[in-house]
PDB file of N, CA and C in Angstrom:
ATOM      1  N   MET A   1     107.657 129.338  86.681  1.00  0.00           N
ATOM      2  CA  MET A   1     107.366 130.406  85.759  1.00  0.00           C
ATOM      3  C   MET A   1     108.137 130.154  84.449  1.00  0.00           C
ATOM      4  N   VAL A   2     107.432 130.329  83.342  1.00  0.00           N
ATOM      5  CA  VAL A   2     108.022 130.095  82.025  1.00  0.00           C
ATOM      6  C   VAL A   2     108.741 131.355  81.566  1.00  0.00           C
ATOM      7  N   ARG A   3     109.972 131.161  81.164  1.00  0.00           N
ATOM      8  CA  ARG A   3     110.728 132.313  80.698  1.00  0.00           C
ATOM      9  C   ARG A   3     110.317 132.656  79.273  1.00  0.00           C
ATOM     10  N   TRP A   4     110.559 133.874  78.861  1.00  0.00           N
ATOM     11  CA  TRP A   4     110.178 134.316  77.519  1.00  0.00           C
ATOM     12  C   TRP A   4     110.996 133.603  76.453  1.00  0.00           C
ATOM     13  N   GLN A   5     112.228 133.181  76.814  1.00  0.00           N
ATOM     14  CA  GLN A   5     113.072 132.464  75.853  1.00  0.00           C
ATOM     15  C   GLN A   5     112.495 131.076  75.558  1.00  0.00           C
ATOM     16  N   ASP A   6     111.905 130.440  76.579  1.00  0.00           N
ATOM     17  CA  ASP A   6     111.289 129.127  76.382  1.00  0.00           C
ATOM     18  C   ASP A   6     110.071 129.236  75.464  1.00  0.00           C
ATOM     19  N   ARG A   7     109.285 130.281  75.643  1.00  0.00           N
ATOM     20  CA  ARG A   7     108.115 130.487  74.790  1.00  0.00           C
ATOM     21  C   ARG A   7     108.545 130.769  73.355  1.00  0.00           C
ATOM     22  N   ARG A   8     109.596 131.555  73.219  1.00  0.00           N
ATOM     23  CA  ARG A   8     110.095 131.876  71.878  1.00  0.00           C
ATOM     24  C   ARG A   8     110.594 130.613  71.190  1.00  0.00           C
ATOM     25  N   LEU A   9     111.317 129.789  71.918  1.00  0.00           N
ATOM     26  CA  LEU A   9     111.809 128.537  71.369  1.00  0.00           C
ATOM     27  C   LEU A   9     110.642 127.627  70.964  1.00  0.00           C
ATOM     28  N   ALA A  10     109.617 127.542  71.785  1.00  0.00           N
ATOM     29  CA  ALA A  10     108.446 126.722  71.470  1.00  0.00           C
ATOM     30  C   ALA A  10     107.746 127.237  70.212  1.00  0.00           C
ATOM     31  N   ARG A  11     107.651 128.574  70.079  1.00  0.00           N
ATOM     32  CA  ARG A  11     107.042 129.160  68.879  1.00  0.00           C
ATOM     33  C   ARG A  11     107.863 128.847  67.637  1.00  0.00           C
ATOM     34  N   GLU A  12     109.170 128.933  67.737  1.00  0.00           N
ATOM     35  CA  GLU A  12     110.049 128.649  66.597  1.00  0.00           C
ATOM     36  C   GLU A  12     109.962 127.180  66.184  1.00  0.00           C
ATOM     37  N   ILE A  13     109.918 126.300  67.162  1.00  0.00           N
ATOM     38  CA  ILE A  13     109.786 124.867  66.857  1.00  0.00           C
ATOM     39  C   ILE A  13     108.440 124.601  66.197  1.00  0.00           C
ATOM     40  N   ALA A  14     107.377 125.180  66.718  1.00  0.00           N
ATOM     41  CA  ALA A  14     106.049 124.987  66.130  1.00  0.00           C
ATOM     42  C   ALA A  14     105.982 125.553  64.713  1.00  0.00           C
ATOM     43  N   ALA A  15     106.588 126.701  64.487  1.00  0.00           N
ATOM     44  CA  ALA A  15     106.592 127.296  63.152  1.00  0.00           C
ATOM     45  C   ALA A  15     107.400 126.436  62.181  1.00  0.00           C
ATOM     46  N   THR A  16     108.522 125.912  62.630  1.00  0.00           N
ATOM     47  CA  THR A  16     109.346 125.055  61.779  1.00  0.00           C
ATOM     48  C   THR A  16     108.613 123.772  61.429  1.00  0.00           C
ATOM     49  N   LEU A  17     107.985 123.153  62.407  1.00  0.00           N
ATOM     50  CA  LEU A  17     107.226 121.927  62.147  1.00  0.00           C
ATOM     51  C   LEU A  17     106.050 122.197  61.218  1.00  0.00           C
ATOM     52  N   GLY A  18     105.376 123.319  61.403  1.00  0.00           N
ATOM     53  CA  GLY A  18     104.271 123.690  60.514  1.00  0.00           C
ATOM     54  C   GLY A  18     104.737 123.910  59.086  1.00  0.00           C
ATOM     55  N   PHE A  19     105.886 124.571  58.932  1.00  0.00           N
ATOM     56  CA  PHE A  19     106.446 124.803  57.605  1.00  0.00           C
ATOM     57  C   PHE A  19     106.835 123.487  56.937  1.00  0.00           C
ATOM     58  N   LYS A  20     107.440 122.579  57.686  1.00  0.00           N
ATOM     59  CA  LYS A  20     107.821 121.281  57.131  1.00  0.00           C
ATOM     60  C   LYS A  20     106.589 120.477  56.730  1.00  0.00           C
ATOM     61  N   LEU A  21     105.545 120.529  57.532  1.00  0.00           N
ATOM     62  CA  LEU A  21     104.301 119.843  57.191  1.00  0.00           C
ATOM     63  C   LEU A  21     103.690 120.420  55.924  1.00  0.00           C
ATOM     64  N   LEU A  22     103.731 121.727  55.784  1.00  0.00           N
ATOM     65  CA  LEU A  22     103.236 122.386  54.578  1.00  0.00           C
ATOM     66  C   LEU A  22     104.058 121.958  53.356  1.00  0.00           C
ATOM     67  N   CYS A  23     105.368 121.877  53.498  1.00  0.00           N
ATOM     68  CA  CYS A  23     106.231 121.438  52.393  1.00  0.00           C
ATOM     69  C   CYS A  23     105.940 119.988  52.010  1.00  0.00           C
ATOM     70  N   LEU A  24     105.749 119.124  52.999  1.00  0.00           N
ATOM     71  CA  LEU A  24     105.421 117.734  52.708  1.00  0.00           C
ATOM     72  C   LEU A  24     104.090 117.618  51.978  1.00  0.00           C
ATOM     73  N   ALA A  25     103.093 118.386  52.398  1.00  0.00           N
ATOM     74  CA  ALA A  25     101.793 118.362  51.725  1.00  0.00           C
ATOM     75  C   ALA A  25     101.916 118.858  50.288  1.00  0.00           C
ATOM     76  N   LEU A  26     102.720 119.883  50.075  1.00  0.00           N
ATOM     77  CA  LEU A  26     102.933 120.408  48.726  1.00  0.00           C
ATOM     78  C   LEU A  26     103.636 119.375  47.846  1.00  0.00           C
ATOM     79  N   LEU A  27     104.683 118.740  48.363  1.00  0.00           N
ATOM     80  CA  LEU A  27     105.384 117.714  47.599  1.00  0.00           C
ATOM     81  C   LEU A  27     104.466 116.537  47.279  1.00  0.00           C
ATOM     82  N   TRP A  28     103.655 116.123  48.237  1.00  0.00           N
ATOM     83  CA  TRP A  28     102.732 115.018  47.993  1.00  0.00           C
ATOM     84  C   TRP A  28     101.747 115.391  46.885  1.00  0.00           C
ATOM     85  N   SER A  29     101.202 116.592  46.938  1.00  0.00           N
ATOM     86  CA  SER A  29     100.227 116.976  45.921  1.00  0.00           C
ATOM     87  C   SER A  29     100.868 117.120  44.548  1.00  0.00           C
ATOM     88  N   LEU A  30     102.130 117.532  44.495  1.00  0.00           N
ATOM     89  CA  LEU A  30     102.807 117.680  43.208  1.00  0.00           C
ATOM     90  C   LEU A  30     103.190 116.341  42.577  1.00  0.00           C
ATOM     91  N   PHE A  31     103.582 115.365  43.394  1.00  0.00           N
ATOM     92  CA  PHE A  31     104.093 114.118  42.849  1.00  0.00           C
ATOM     93  C   PHE A  31     103.189 112.909  43.039  1.00  0.00           C
ATOM     94  N   PHE A  32     102.286 112.937  44.011  1.00  0.00           N
ATOM     95  CA  PHE A  32     101.452 111.772  44.280  1.00  0.00           C
ATOM     96  C   PHE A  32      99.969 112.097  44.300  1.00  0.00           C
ATOM     97  N   GLY A  33      99.569 113.254  43.834  1.00  0.00           N
ATOM     98  CA  GLY A  33      98.173 113.666  43.855  1.00  0.00           C
ATOM     99  C   GLY A  33      97.319 112.877  42.880  1.00  0.00           C
ATOM    100  N   ASP A  34      96.035 113.158  42.890  1.00  0.00           N
ATOM    101  CA  ASP A  34      95.073 112.431  42.068  1.00  0.00           C
ATOM    102  C   ASP A  34      95.344 112.566  40.578  1.00  0.00           C
ATOM    103  N   GLU A  35      95.860 113.691  40.139  1.00  0.00           N
ATOM    104  CA  GLU A  35      96.103 113.863  38.707  1.00  0.00           C
ATOM    105  C   GLU A  35      97.261 113.013  38.203  1.00  0.00           C
ATOM    106  N   HIS A  36      98.041 112.436  39.109  1.00  0.00           N
ATOM    107  CA  HIS A  36      99.160 111.583  38.716  1.00  0.00           C
ATOM    108  C   HIS A  36      98.815 110.105  38.779  1.00  0.00           C
ATOM    109  N   ARG A  37      97.615 109.790  39.170  1.00  0.00           N
ATOM    110  CA  ARG A  37      97.213 108.388  39.263  1.00  0.00           C
ATOM    111  C   ARG A  37      96.671 107.914  37.921  1.00  0.00           C
ATOM    112  N   THR A  38      96.999 106.676  37.577  1.00  0.00           N
ATOM    113  CA  THR A  38      96.492 106.101  36.339  1.00  0.00           C
ATOM    114  C   THR A  38      95.386 105.109  36.663  1.00  0.00           C
ATOM    115  N   ASP A  39      94.503 104.929  35.734  1.00  0.00           N
ATOM    116  CA  ASP A  39      93.402 104.003  35.906  1.00  0.00           C
ATOM    117  C   ASP A  39      93.861 102.618  35.461  1.00  0.00           C
ATOM    118  N   VAL A  40      94.025 101.711  36.415  1.00  0.00           N
ATOM    119  CA  VAL A  40      94.537 100.381  36.111  1.00  0.00           C
ATOM    120  C   VAL A  40      93.380  99.394  36.139  1.00  0.00           C
ATOM    121  N   THR A  41      93.172  98.743  35.009  1.00  0.00           N
ATOM    122  CA  THR A  41      92.173  97.684  34.909  1.00  0.00           C
ATOM    123  C   THR A  41      92.914  96.368  34.708  1.00  0.00           C
ATOM    124  N   PRO A  42      92.263  95.254  34.950  1.00  0.00           N
ATOM    125  CA  PRO A  42      92.938  93.970  34.710  1.00  0.00           C
ATOM    126  C   PRO A  42      93.428  93.821  33.271  1.00  0.00           C
ATOM    127  N   GLU A  43      92.678  94.374  32.333  1.00  0.00           N
ATOM    128  CA  GLU A  43      93.074  94.260  30.925  1.00  0.00           C
ATOM    129  C   GLU A  43      94.350  95.054  30.638  1.00  0.00           C
ATOM    130  N   THR A  44      94.435  96.283  31.157  1.00  0.00           N
ATOM    131  CA  THR A  44      95.638  97.079  30.919  1.00  0.00           C
ATOM    132  C   THR A  44      96.842  96.489  31.643  1.00  0.00           C
ATOM    133  N   LEU A  45      96.628  95.937  32.820  1.00  0.00           N
ATOM    134  CA  LEU A  45      97.719  95.292  33.552  1.00  0.00           C
ATOM    135  C   LEU A  45      98.227  94.073  32.787  1.00  0.00           C
ATOM    136  N   GLU A  46      97.303  93.277  32.289  1.00  0.00           N
ATOM    137  CA  GLU A  46      97.683  92.097  31.524  1.00  0.00           C
ATOM    138  C   GLU A  46      98.448  92.490  30.265  1.00  0.00           C
ATOM    139  N   GLN A  47      97.992  93.527  29.594  1.00  0.00           N
ATOM    140  CA  GLN A  47      98.663  93.965  28.378  1.00  0.00           C
ATOM    141  C   GLN A  47     100.075  94.453  28.680  1.00  0.00           C
ATOM    142  N   ARG A  48     100.256  95.133  29.791  1.00  0.00           N
ATOM    143  CA  ARG A  48     101.587  95.618  30.163  1.00  0.00           C
ATOM    144  C   ARG A  48     102.518  94.470  30.548  1.00  0.00           C
ATOM    145  N   LEU A  49     101.993  93.492  31.296  1.00  0.00           N
ATOM    146  CA  LEU A  49     102.831  92.395  31.760  1.00  0.00           C
ATOM    147  C   LEU A  49     103.159  91.404  30.649  1.00  0.00           C
ATOM    148  N   VAL A  50     102.163  91.052  29.858  1.00  0.00           N
ATOM    149  CA  VAL A  50     102.354  90.058  28.817  1.00  0.00           C
ATOM    150  C   VAL A  50     102.910  90.708  27.557  1.00  0.00           C
ATOM    151  N   GLY A  51     102.510  91.911  27.264  1.00  0.00           N
ATOM    152  CA  GLY A  51     102.987  92.611  26.087  1.00  0.00           C
ATOM    153  C   GLY A  51     102.066  92.468  24.895  1.00  0.00           C
ATOM    154  N   ALA A  52     101.067  91.631  25.000  1.00  0.00           N
ATOM    155  CA  ALA A  52     100.098  91.447  23.916  1.00  0.00           C
ATOM    156  C   ALA A  52      98.818  90.901  24.519  1.00  0.00           C
ATOM    157  N   GLU A  53      97.790  90.881  23.726  1.00  0.00           N
ATOM    158  CA  GLU A  53      96.527  90.305  24.186  1.00  0.00           C
ATOM    159  C   GLU A  53      96.700  88.800  24.372  1.00  0.00           C
ATOM    160  N   VAL A  54      95.996  88.214  25.318  1.00  0.00           N
ATOM    161  CA  VAL A  54      96.110  86.788  25.587  1.00  0.00           C
ATOM    162  C   VAL A  54      95.634  85.979  24.382  1.00  0.00           C
ATOM    163  N   ALA A  55      94.595  86.436  23.693  1.00  0.00           N
ATOM    164  CA  ALA A  55      94.069  85.717  22.538  1.00  0.00           C
ATOM    165  C   ALA A  55      95.066  85.710  21.389  1.00  0.00           C
ATOM    166  N   ASP A  56      96.001  86.634  21.364  1.00  0.00           N
ATOM    167  CA  ASP A  56      96.963  86.730  20.274  1.00  0.00           C
ATOM    168  C   ASP A  56      98.194  85.853  20.475  1.00  0.00           C
ATOM    169  N   THR A  57      98.358  85.263  21.636  1.00  0.00           N
ATOM    170  CA  THR A  57      99.558  84.463  21.867  1.00  0.00           C
ATOM    171  C   THR A  57      99.429  83.134  21.141  1.00  0.00           C
ATOM    172  N   PRO A  58     100.484  82.648  20.508  1.00  0.00           N
ATOM    173  CA  PRO A  58     100.393  81.418  19.723  1.00  0.00           C
ATOM    174  C   PRO A  58     100.175  80.167  20.570  1.00  0.00           C
ATOM    175  N   ASN A  59     100.661  80.124  21.782  1.00  0.00           N
ATOM    176  CA  ASN A  59     100.525  78.933  22.620  1.00  0.00           C
ATOM    177  C   ASN A  59      99.123  78.772  23.194  1.00  0.00           C
ATOM    178  N   ARG A  60      98.355  79.825  23.223  1.00  0.00           N
ATOM    179  CA  ARG A  60      97.024  79.771  23.821  1.00  0.00           C
ATOM    180  C   ARG A  60      96.121  78.794  23.059  1.00  0.00           C
ATOM    181  N   SER A  61      96.139  78.815  21.748  1.00  0.00           N
ATOM    182  CA  SER A  61      95.267  77.933  20.974  1.00  0.00           C
ATOM    183  C   SER A  61      95.701  76.475  21.122  1.00  0.00           C
ATOM    184  N   VAL A  62      97.003  76.225  21.255  1.00  0.00           N
ATOM    185  CA  VAL A  62      97.479  74.861  21.426  1.00  0.00           C
ATOM    186  C   VAL A  62      97.022  74.302  22.751  1.00  0.00           C
ATOM    187  N   ILE A  63      97.050  75.106  23.796  1.00  0.00           N
ATOM    188  CA  ILE A  63      96.629  74.649  25.126  1.00  0.00           C
ATOM    189  C   ILE A  63      95.140  74.373  25.125  1.00  0.00           C
ATOM    190  N   GLU A  64      94.355  75.228  24.505  1.00  0.00           N
ATOM    191  CA  GLU A  64      92.913  75.039  24.489  1.00  0.00           C
ATOM    192  C   GLU A  64      92.525  73.799  23.691  1.00  0.00           C
ATOM    193  N   GLU A  65      93.237  73.501  22.590  1.00  0.00           N
ATOM    194  CA  GLU A  65      92.923  72.345  21.765  1.00  0.00           C
ATOM    195  C   GLU A  65      93.285  71.045  22.464  1.00  0.00           C
ATOM    196  N   SER A  66      94.366  71.049  23.225  1.00  0.00           N
ATOM    197  CA  SER A  66      94.792  69.814  23.876  1.00  0.00           C
ATOM    198  C   SER A  66      94.006  69.510  25.149  1.00  0.00           C
ATOM    199  N   GLY A  67      93.299  70.507  25.672  1.00  0.00           N
ATOM    200  CA  GLY A  67      92.500  70.304  26.870  1.00  0.00           C
ATOM    201  C   GLY A  67      93.292  70.398  28.151  1.00  0.00           C
ATOM    202  N   ASP A  68      94.544  70.824  28.077  1.00  0.00           N
ATOM    203  CA  ASP A  68      95.382  70.925  29.266  1.00  0.00           C
ATOM    204  C   ASP A  68      95.381  72.328  29.851  1.00  0.00           C
ATOM    205  N   GLY A  69      94.435  73.140  29.542  1.00  0.00           N
ATOM    206  CA  GLY A  69      94.428  74.535  29.993  1.00  0.00           C
ATOM    207  C   GLY A  69      94.189  74.660  31.468  1.00  0.00           C
ATOM    208  N   ALA A  70      95.207  74.563  32.245  1.00  0.00           N
ATOM    209  CA  ALA A  70      95.097  74.623  33.697  1.00  0.00           C
ATOM    210  C   ALA A  70      95.093  76.033  34.178  1.00  0.00           C
TER     211      ALA A  70
END
């Protein structure tokens, strides 16, 4: 036979876990939700990593002229 204290403890644990799950979902939506995602294209990634357009780099024309563009 289950005592009333065991049922109460089970209810409290379930309520605590439910509250924590709700808090995690709220934190995820506030910090990692769709409105916080940026649209990353290869062009924007390249611009961020290189700092300029590839066509604007001075070494690019030298490599293309020499035929060593590996």
